[in-house]
Amino acid sequence: MSTERPSSAVYDSHQPDSSHATLTSADEHTYGVTKASRCLYPGATFRGSQKSGRNRYDASMTIIDVDLASSHLSGHLCIHGLTDEWPELTTYFDAEIIGDQYGFLTRKWGATEREDMVHWGRFPAYGRVKDELEQPDLMRKDAFSHGVVFMRWKEKYVVSDRGTQDIEGASYAGFYYICVDFSSQQTGSYTAMDSVSSAPASLSGFYFHQHSEPYQQLSLVHVPE
């Protein structure tokens, strides 16, 4: 939702000189799925903030359901203090995980290819995958490679009142471009991946809607149980 404009992988511990062991695609996939399952699971919580212009609002996200095999995830997004009428606004969202079923090109919700490329390009992690994308929809062969997962979140309704369509001063008519980064330091070696395995996953997102403030940024961190 946004403010509106006014009007771990299994590997052999006995492997020699593992600091120089190059990842195979199977190793990297296993690592990515393992890391994803540690923070993208039903009940997982992320906390942080959403920035809109000069304003910053406390925010949190809780996953309701996840099916990595079908590239689907759902959850609740809660933002505090967005409007006076709704001091705590929680919406339900569905997510498309970018992979072999959904590509980086949105092709709906008012987003053009240019808007897609501008928004995805704002994530540093996009640079790790952009040269491997498959035409015509820019899909990822492996949704979990390079220690990063990309998604689109589409908010569906306000949890406390599903009949609410319009909220003065806020909007959930658009969607979020989302990046969940498990390892910003991945270099392709087992040692490098193991060294960051204890770091919490970070989630960042940019809200898009034609009539909302551009580039409103969501910044959350996984809260381990």
C-alpha atoms as a PDB file:
ATOM      1  CA  MET A   1       0.000   0.000   0.000  1.00  0.00           C
ATOM      2  CA  SER A   2       1.167   3.533  -0.473  1.00  0.00           C
ATOM      3  CA  THR A   3       0.529   7.174   0.152  1.00  0.00           C
ATOM      4  CA  GLU A   4      -1.151   8.935  -2.724  1.00  0.00           C
ATOM      5  CA  ARG A   5      -0.204  12.088  -4.501  1.00  0.00           C
ATOM      6  CA  PRO A   6      -2.449  14.927  -3.447  1.00  0.00           C
ATOM      7  CA  SER A   7      -5.480  15.238  -5.834  1.00  0.00           C
ATOM      8  CA  SER A   8      21.408 -24.062   3.534  1.00  0.00           C
ATOM      9  CA  ALA A   9      22.956 -26.472   1.023  1.00  0.00           C
ATOM     10  CA  VAL A  10      24.326 -29.910   2.002  1.00  0.00           C
ATOM     11  CA  TYR A  11      28.013 -30.238   1.179  1.00  0.00           C
ATOM     12  CA  ASP A  12      30.958 -32.401   2.198  1.00  0.00           C
ATOM     13  CA  SER A  13      32.849 -31.052   5.197  1.00  0.00           C
ATOM     14  CA  HIS A  14      35.831 -33.223   4.208  1.00  0.00           C
ATOM     15  CA  GLN A  15      36.153 -31.687   0.757  1.00  0.00           C
ATOM     16  CA  PRO A  16      39.748 -30.490   0.307  1.00  0.00           C
ATOM     17  CA  ASP A  17      40.409 -26.760  -0.116  1.00  0.00           C
ATOM     18  CA  SER A  18      36.699 -25.925  -0.120  1.00  0.00           C
ATOM     19  CA  SER A  19      37.449 -22.189  -0.189  1.00  0.00           C
ATOM     20  CA  HIS A  20      38.038 -22.578  -3.922  1.00  0.00           C
ATOM     21  CA  ALA A  21      35.240 -25.059  -4.659  1.00  0.00           C
ATOM     22  CA  THR A  22      33.173 -23.767  -7.548  1.00  0.00           C
ATOM     23  CA  LEU A  23      29.419 -24.145  -7.279  1.00  0.00           C
ATOM     24  CA  THR A  24      27.631 -26.317  -9.792  1.00  0.00           C
ATOM     25  CA  SER A  25      24.129 -25.241 -10.827  1.00  0.00           C
ATOM     26  CA  ALA A  26      22.712 -28.075  -8.690  1.00  0.00           C
ATOM     27  CA  ASP A  27      24.706 -26.909  -5.650  1.00  0.00           C
ATOM     28  CA  GLU A  28      23.559 -23.338  -6.100  1.00  0.00           C
ATOM     29  CA  HIS A  29      19.913 -24.378  -6.513  1.00  0.00           C
ATOM     30  CA  THR A  30      20.074 -26.501  -3.358  1.00  0.00           C
ATOM     31  CA  TYR A  31      21.664 -23.634  -1.453  1.00  0.00           C
ATOM     32  CA  GLY A  32      19.077 -21.155  -2.716  1.00  0.00           C
ATOM     33  CA  VAL A  33      16.083 -23.349  -1.873  1.00  0.00           C
ATOM     34  CA  THR A  34      17.523 -24.084   1.567  1.00  0.00           C
ATOM     35  CA  LYS A  35      18.041 -20.406   2.322  1.00  0.00           C
ATOM     36  CA  ALA A  36      14.597 -19.523   0.977  1.00  0.00           C
ATOM     37  CA  SER A  37      12.907 -22.149   3.141  1.00  0.00           C
ATOM     38  CA  ARG A  38      14.520 -20.625   6.238  1.00  0.00           C
ATOM     39  CA  CYS A  39      12.713 -17.317   5.823  1.00  0.00           C
ATOM     40  CA  LEU A  40       9.928 -17.861   3.274  1.00  0.00           C
ATOM     41  CA  TYR A  41       7.621 -20.152   5.237  1.00  0.00           C
ATOM     42  CA  PRO A  42       4.110 -19.833   6.733  1.00  0.00           C
ATOM     43  CA  GLY A  43       4.323 -17.677   9.850  1.00  0.00           C
ATOM     44  CA  ALA A  44       7.634 -16.035   8.938  1.00  0.00           C
ATOM     45  CA  THR A  45       7.795 -12.362   9.894  1.00  0.00           C
ATOM     46  CA  PHE A  46       9.772  -9.464   8.414  1.00  0.00           C
ATOM     47  CA  ARG A  47       9.958  -6.052  10.092  1.00  0.00           C
ATOM     48  CA  GLY A  48      11.228  -2.665   9.069  1.00  0.00           C
ATOM     49  CA  SER A  49       9.779   0.422   7.429  1.00  0.00           C
ATOM     50  CA  GLN A  50       8.301   1.969   4.321  1.00  0.00           C
ATOM     51  CA  LYS A  51       9.654   5.299   3.095  1.00  0.00           C
ATOM     52  CA  SER A  52       7.460   7.695   1.139  1.00  0.00           C
ATOM     53  CA  GLY A  53       9.043  11.015   0.316  1.00  0.00           C
ATOM     54  CA  ARG A  54      10.400  12.383   3.589  1.00  0.00           C
ATOM     55  CA  ASN A  55       8.098  10.212   5.690  1.00  0.00           C
ATOM     56  CA  ARG A  56       8.973   6.820   7.120  1.00  0.00           C
ATOM     57  CA  TYR A  57       6.407   4.369   8.519  1.00  0.00           C
ATOM     58  CA  ASP A  58       6.890   1.240  10.618  1.00  0.00           C
ATOM     59  CA  ALA A  59       5.984  -1.836   8.586  1.00  0.00           C
ATOM     60  CA  SER A  60       5.847  -5.600   8.947  1.00  0.00           C
ATOM     61  CA  MET A  61       4.976  -8.573   6.793  1.00  0.00           C
ATOM     62  CA  THR A  62       3.811 -12.032   7.825  1.00  0.00           C
ATOM     63  CA  ILE A  63       3.680 -14.924   5.377  1.00  0.00           C
ATOM     64  CA  ILE A  64       0.389 -16.820   5.343  1.00  0.00           C
ATOM     65  CA  ASP A  65       1.111 -19.492   2.759  1.00  0.00           C
ATOM     66  CA  VAL A  66       3.973 -20.374   0.436  1.00  0.00           C
ATOM     67  CA  ASP A  67       4.347 -22.846  -2.390  1.00  0.00           C
ATOM     68  CA  LEU A  68       7.792 -22.498  -3.920  1.00  0.00           C
ATOM     69  CA  ALA A  69       7.073 -25.224  -6.481  1.00  0.00           C
ATOM     70  CA  SER A  70       4.161 -23.257  -7.963  1.00  0.00           C
ATOM     71  CA  SER A  71       5.902 -19.876  -7.551  1.00  0.00           C
ATOM     72  CA  HIS A  72       3.217 -18.567  -5.204  1.00  0.00           C
ATOM     73  CA  LEU A  73       3.238 -16.846  -1.823  1.00  0.00           C
ATOM     74  CA  SER A  74       0.645 -14.931   0.182  1.00  0.00           C
ATOM     75  CA  GLY A  75       0.742 -12.845   3.312  1.00  0.00           C
ATOM     76  CA  HIS A  76      -0.286  -9.795   5.315  1.00  0.00           C
ATOM     77  CA  LEU A  77       1.434  -6.427   5.005  1.00  0.00           C
ATOM     78  CA  CYS A  78       0.938  -4.013   7.900  1.00  0.00           C
ATOM     79  CA  ILE A  79       1.917  -0.344   7.851  1.00  0.00           C
ATOM     80  CA  HIS A  80       1.562   1.950  10.872  1.00  0.00           C
ATOM     81  CA  GLY A  81       0.624   5.630  10.773  1.00  0.00           C
ATOM     82  CA  LEU A  82      -0.081   5.846   7.060  1.00  0.00           C
ATOM     83  CA  THR A  83      -3.315   7.800   7.608  1.00  0.00           C
ATOM     84  CA  ASP A  84      -5.143   9.253  10.623  1.00  0.00           C
ATOM     85  CA  GLU A  85      -8.212   7.149   9.873  1.00  0.00           C
ATOM     86  CA  TRP A  86      -6.165   3.945   9.640  1.00  0.00           C
ATOM     87  CA  PRO A  87      -3.346   4.131  12.215  1.00  0.00           C
ATOM     88  CA  GLU A  88      -2.638   0.441  11.531  1.00  0.00           C
ATOM     89  CA  LEU A  89      -3.499  -0.734   8.030  1.00  0.00           C
ATOM     90  CA  THR A  90      -3.123  -4.436   7.179  1.00  0.00           C
ATOM     91  CA  THR A  91      -3.706  -5.781   3.696  1.00  0.00           C
ATOM     92  CA  TYR A  92      -3.721  -9.294   2.282  1.00  0.00           C
ATOM     93  CA  PHE A  93      -1.500  -9.852  -0.765  1.00  0.00           C
ATOM     94  CA  ASP A  94      -0.756 -12.569  -3.296  1.00  0.00           C
ATOM     95  CA  ALA A  95       2.754 -12.889  -4.684  1.00  0.00           C
ATOM     96  CA  GLU A  96       4.213 -14.159  -7.938  1.00  0.00           C
ATOM     97  CA  ILE A  97       7.741 -15.535  -7.554  1.00  0.00           C
ATOM     98  CA  ILE A  98       9.877 -14.719 -10.592  1.00  0.00           C
ATOM     99  CA  GLY A  99      11.159 -17.948 -12.118  1.00  0.00           C
ATOM    100  CA  ASP A 100      10.059 -20.351 -14.840  1.00  0.00           C
ATOM    101  CA  GLN A 101       6.360 -19.479 -14.439  1.00  0.00           C
ATOM    102  CA  TYR A 102       6.448 -15.702 -13.998  1.00  0.00           C
ATOM    103  CA  GLY A 103       8.946 -13.419 -15.714  1.00  0.00           C
ATOM    104  CA  PHE A 104      10.308  -9.971 -14.907  1.00  0.00           C
ATOM    105  CA  LEU A 105       7.920  -8.433 -17.451  1.00  0.00           C
ATOM    106  CA  THR A 106       4.668  -7.704 -15.611  1.00  0.00           C
ATOM    107  CA  ARG A 107       2.359  -7.142 -18.601  1.00  0.00           C
ATOM    108  CA  LYS A 108      -0.524  -5.980 -16.368  1.00  0.00           C
ATOM    109  CA  TRP A 109      -1.482  -3.602 -13.544  1.00  0.00           C
ATOM    110  CA  GLY A 110      -0.543  -0.609 -15.674  1.00  0.00           C
ATOM    111  CA  ALA A 111       3.183  -1.434 -15.743  1.00  0.00           C
ATOM    112  CA  THR A 112       5.020  -1.000 -19.031  1.00  0.00           C
ATOM    113  CA  GLU A 113       8.239  -2.791 -19.944  1.00  0.00           C
ATOM    114  CA  ARG A 114      10.080   0.461 -19.268  1.00  0.00           C
ATOM    115  CA  GLU A 115       8.559   0.732 -15.791  1.00  0.00           C
ATOM    116  CA  ASP A 116       9.546  -2.880 -15.119  1.00  0.00           C
ATOM    117  CA  MET A 117      13.167  -2.342 -16.113  1.00  0.00           C
ATOM    118  CA  VAL A 118      13.450   0.908 -14.155  1.00  0.00           C
ATOM    119  CA  HIS A 119      12.050  -0.679 -10.983  1.00  0.00           C
ATOM    120  CA  TRP A 120      13.907  -4.012 -11.160  1.00  0.00           C
ATOM    121  CA  GLY A 121      17.077  -2.096 -11.951  1.00  0.00           C
ATOM    122  CA  ARG A 122      16.867  -0.286  -8.619  1.00  0.00           C
ATOM    123  CA  PHE A 123      17.716  -3.569  -6.856  1.00  0.00           C
ATOM    124  CA  PRO A 124      21.504  -4.141  -6.807  1.00  0.00           C
ATOM    125  CA  ALA A 125      20.864  -7.904  -6.843  1.00  0.00           C
ATOM    126  CA  TYR A 126      19.175  -7.642 -10.240  1.00  0.00           C
ATOM    127  CA  GLY A 127      22.641  -7.191 -11.720  1.00  0.00           C
ATOM    128  CA  ARG A 128      23.490 -10.756 -10.674  1.00  0.00           C
ATOM    129  CA  VAL A 129      20.741 -12.299 -12.797  1.00  0.00           C
ATOM    130  CA  LYS A 130      19.928  -9.944 -15.687  1.00  0.00           C
ATOM    131  CA  ASP A 131      22.328 -11.573 -18.153  1.00  0.00           C
ATOM    132  CA  GLU A 132      20.750 -15.013 -17.604  1.00  0.00           C
ATOM    133  CA  LEU A 133      17.103 -14.146 -18.286  1.00  0.00           C
ATOM    134  CA  GLU A 134      15.135 -15.979 -20.950  1.00  0.00           C
ATOM    135  CA  GLN A 135      12.943 -14.344 -23.575  1.00  0.00           C
ATOM    136  CA  PRO A 136      10.238 -13.367 -24.195  1.00  0.00           C
ATOM    137  CA  ASP A 137       9.103 -12.621 -20.616  1.00  0.00           C
ATOM    138  CA  LEU A 138      12.574 -12.473 -19.027  1.00  0.00           C
ATOM    139  CA  MET A 139      12.138 -15.596 -16.897  1.00  0.00           C
ATOM    140  CA  ARG A 140      14.672 -17.163 -14.560  1.00  0.00           C
ATOM    141  CA  LYS A 141      15.522 -20.789 -15.131  1.00  0.00           C
ATOM    142  CA  ASP A 142      16.258 -21.072 -11.402  1.00  0.00           C
ATOM    143  CA  ALA A 143      14.213 -18.793  -9.132  1.00  0.00           C
ATOM    144  CA  PHE A 144      16.653 -19.314  -6.225  1.00  0.00           C
ATOM    145  CA  SER A 145      20.069 -18.867  -7.814  1.00  0.00           C
ATOM    146  CA  HIS A 146      22.577 -16.194  -6.794  1.00  0.00           C
ATOM    147  CA  GLY A 147      21.138 -16.059  -3.272  1.00  0.00           C
ATOM    148  CA  VAL A 148      18.172 -13.912  -4.269  1.00  0.00           C
ATOM    149  CA  VAL A 149      14.435 -14.268  -4.955  1.00  0.00           C
ATOM    150  CA  PHE A 150      12.342 -11.698  -6.821  1.00  0.00           C
ATOM    151  CA  MET A 151       8.567 -11.331  -6.536  1.00  0.00           C
ATOM    152  CA  ARG A 152       5.597  -9.150  -7.322  1.00  0.00           C
ATOM    153  CA  TRP A 153       3.099  -8.511  -4.507  1.00  0.00           C
ATOM    154  CA  LYS A 154      -0.479  -7.576  -5.375  1.00  0.00           C
ATOM    155  CA  GLU A 155      -2.551  -6.383  -2.435  1.00  0.00           C
ATOM    156  CA  LYS A 156      -6.137  -7.661  -2.602  1.00  0.00           C
ATOM    157  CA  TYR A 157      -8.075  -6.249   0.344  1.00  0.00           C
ATOM    158  CA  VAL A 158      -7.940  -4.681   3.812  1.00  0.00           C
ATOM    159  CA  VAL A 159      -7.912  -7.524   6.331  1.00  0.00           C
ATOM    160  CA  SER A 160     -10.190  -5.852   8.886  1.00  0.00           C
ATOM    161  CA  ASP A 161     -12.753  -4.784   6.287  1.00  0.00           C
ATOM    162  CA  ARG A 162     -12.760  -6.629   2.963  1.00  0.00           C
ATOM    163  CA  GLY A 163     -15.421  -4.269   1.639  1.00  0.00           C
ATOM    164  CA  THR A 164     -13.162  -1.221   1.868  1.00  0.00           C
ATOM    165  CA  GLN A 165     -12.177  -0.061  -1.602  1.00  0.00           C
ATOM    166  CA  ASP A 166     -11.008   3.513  -1.143  1.00  0.00           C
ATOM    167  CA  ILE A 167      -8.850   4.855   1.674  1.00  0.00           C
ATOM    168  CA  GLU A 168      -8.329   8.596   1.841  1.00  0.00           C
ATOM    169  CA  GLY A 169      -4.617   9.377   1.722  1.00  0.00           C
ATOM    170  CA  ALA A 170      -3.541   5.823   0.829  1.00  0.00           C
ATOM    171  CA  SER A 171      -3.793   3.310  -1.986  1.00  0.00           C
ATOM    172  CA  TYR A 172      -3.382  -0.409  -2.506  1.00  0.00           C
ATOM    173  CA  ALA A 173      -4.466  -0.377  -6.147  1.00  0.00           C
ATOM    174  CA  GLY A 174      -0.899  -0.880  -7.372  1.00  0.00           C
ATOM    175  CA  PHE A 175       1.687  -3.551  -6.643  1.00  0.00           C
ATOM    176  CA  TYR A 176       5.190  -4.030  -5.239  1.00  0.00           C
ATOM    177  CA  TYR A 177       8.363  -5.088  -7.007  1.00  0.00           C
ATOM    178  CA  ILE A 178      10.092  -7.232  -4.361  1.00  0.00           C
ATOM    179  CA  CYS A 179      13.617  -8.571  -3.835  1.00  0.00           C
ATOM    180  CA  VAL A 180      14.552 -10.977  -1.019  1.00  0.00           C
ATOM    181  CA  ASP A 181      18.328 -11.178  -0.684  1.00  0.00           C
ATOM    182  CA  PHE A 182      19.776 -14.099   1.264  1.00  0.00           C
ATOM    183  CA  SER A 183      23.429 -13.377   0.581  1.00  0.00           C
ATOM    184  CA  SER A 184      24.708 -10.061  -0.732  1.00  0.00           C
ATOM    185  CA  GLN A 185      28.287 -11.379  -0.481  1.00  0.00           C
ATOM    186  CA  GLN A 186      27.948 -14.606  -2.441  1.00  0.00           C
ATOM    187  CA  THR A 187      31.077 -15.212  -4.531  1.00  0.00           C
ATOM    188  CA  GLY A 188      30.585 -18.752  -5.768  1.00  0.00           C
ATOM    189  CA  SER A 189      32.497 -20.658  -3.094  1.00  0.00           C
ATOM    190  CA  TYR A 190      31.204 -22.851  -0.295  1.00  0.00           C
ATOM    191  CA  THR A 191      33.164 -20.858   2.274  1.00  0.00           C
ATOM    192  CA  ALA A 192      31.674 -17.538   1.157  1.00  0.00           C
ATOM    193  CA  MET A 193      28.133 -18.893   1.357  1.00  0.00           C
ATOM    194  CA  ASP A 194      28.716 -20.479   4.738  1.00  0.00           C
ATOM    195  CA  SER A 195      30.179 -17.252   6.132  1.00  0.00           C
ATOM    196  CA  VAL A 196      26.939 -15.332   5.556  1.00  0.00           C
ATOM    197  CA  SER A 197      24.509 -18.122   6.394  1.00  0.00           C
ATOM    198  CA  SER A 198      23.706 -16.635   9.806  1.00  0.00           C
ATOM    199  CA  ALA A 199      22.849 -13.177   8.448  1.00  0.00           C
ATOM    200  CA  PRO A 200      19.093 -12.482   8.304  1.00  0.00           C
ATOM    201  CA  ALA A 201      17.524 -12.190   4.881  1.00  0.00           C
ATOM    202  CA  SER A 202      16.682  -8.673   3.768  1.00  0.00           C
ATOM    203  CA  LEU A 203      13.562  -7.765   1.813  1.00  0.00           C
ATOM    204  CA  SER A 204      13.233  -4.594  -0.206  1.00  0.00           C
ATOM    205  CA  GLY A 205      10.454  -3.414  -2.450  1.00  0.00           C
ATOM    206  CA  PHE A 206       9.221  -0.531  -4.579  1.00  0.00           C
ATOM    207  CA  TYR A 207       5.547   0.312  -4.895  1.00  0.00           C
ATOM    208  CA  PHE A 208       4.166   1.128  -8.318  1.00  0.00           C
ATOM    209  CA  HIS A 209       0.891   2.769  -9.259  1.00  0.00           C
ATOM    210  CA  GLN A 210       0.363   5.445 -11.856  1.00  0.00           C
ATOM    211  CA  HIS A 211      -1.299   7.835  -9.390  1.00  0.00           C
ATOM    212  CA  SER A 212       0.918   7.268  -6.351  1.00  0.00           C
ATOM    213  CA  GLU A 213       4.200   8.757  -5.205  1.00  0.00           C
ATOM    214  CA  PRO A 214       6.932   6.966  -7.228  1.00  0.00           C
ATOM    215  CA  TYR A 215       9.566   4.682  -5.725  1.00  0.00           C
ATOM    216  CA  GLN A 216       8.070   4.352  -2.271  1.00  0.00           C
ATOM    217  CA  GLN A 217      10.493   1.894  -0.716  1.00  0.00           C
ATOM    218  CA  LEU A 218       9.790  -1.012   1.601  1.00  0.00           C
ATOM    219  CA  SER A 219      12.798  -2.173   3.667  1.00  0.00           C
ATOM    220  CA  LEU A 220      12.312  -5.209   5.902  1.00  0.00           C
ATOM    221  CA  VAL A 221      14.487  -7.819   7.631  1.00  0.00           C
ATOM    222  CA  HIS A 222      13.533 -11.369   8.520  1.00  0.00           C
ATOM    223  CA  VAL A 223      12.961 -11.915  12.241  1.00  0.00           C
ATOM    224  CA  PRO A 224      14.288 -15.400  13.099  1.00  0.00           C
ATOM    225  CA  GLU A 225      12.163 -17.456  15.478  1.00  0.00           C
END
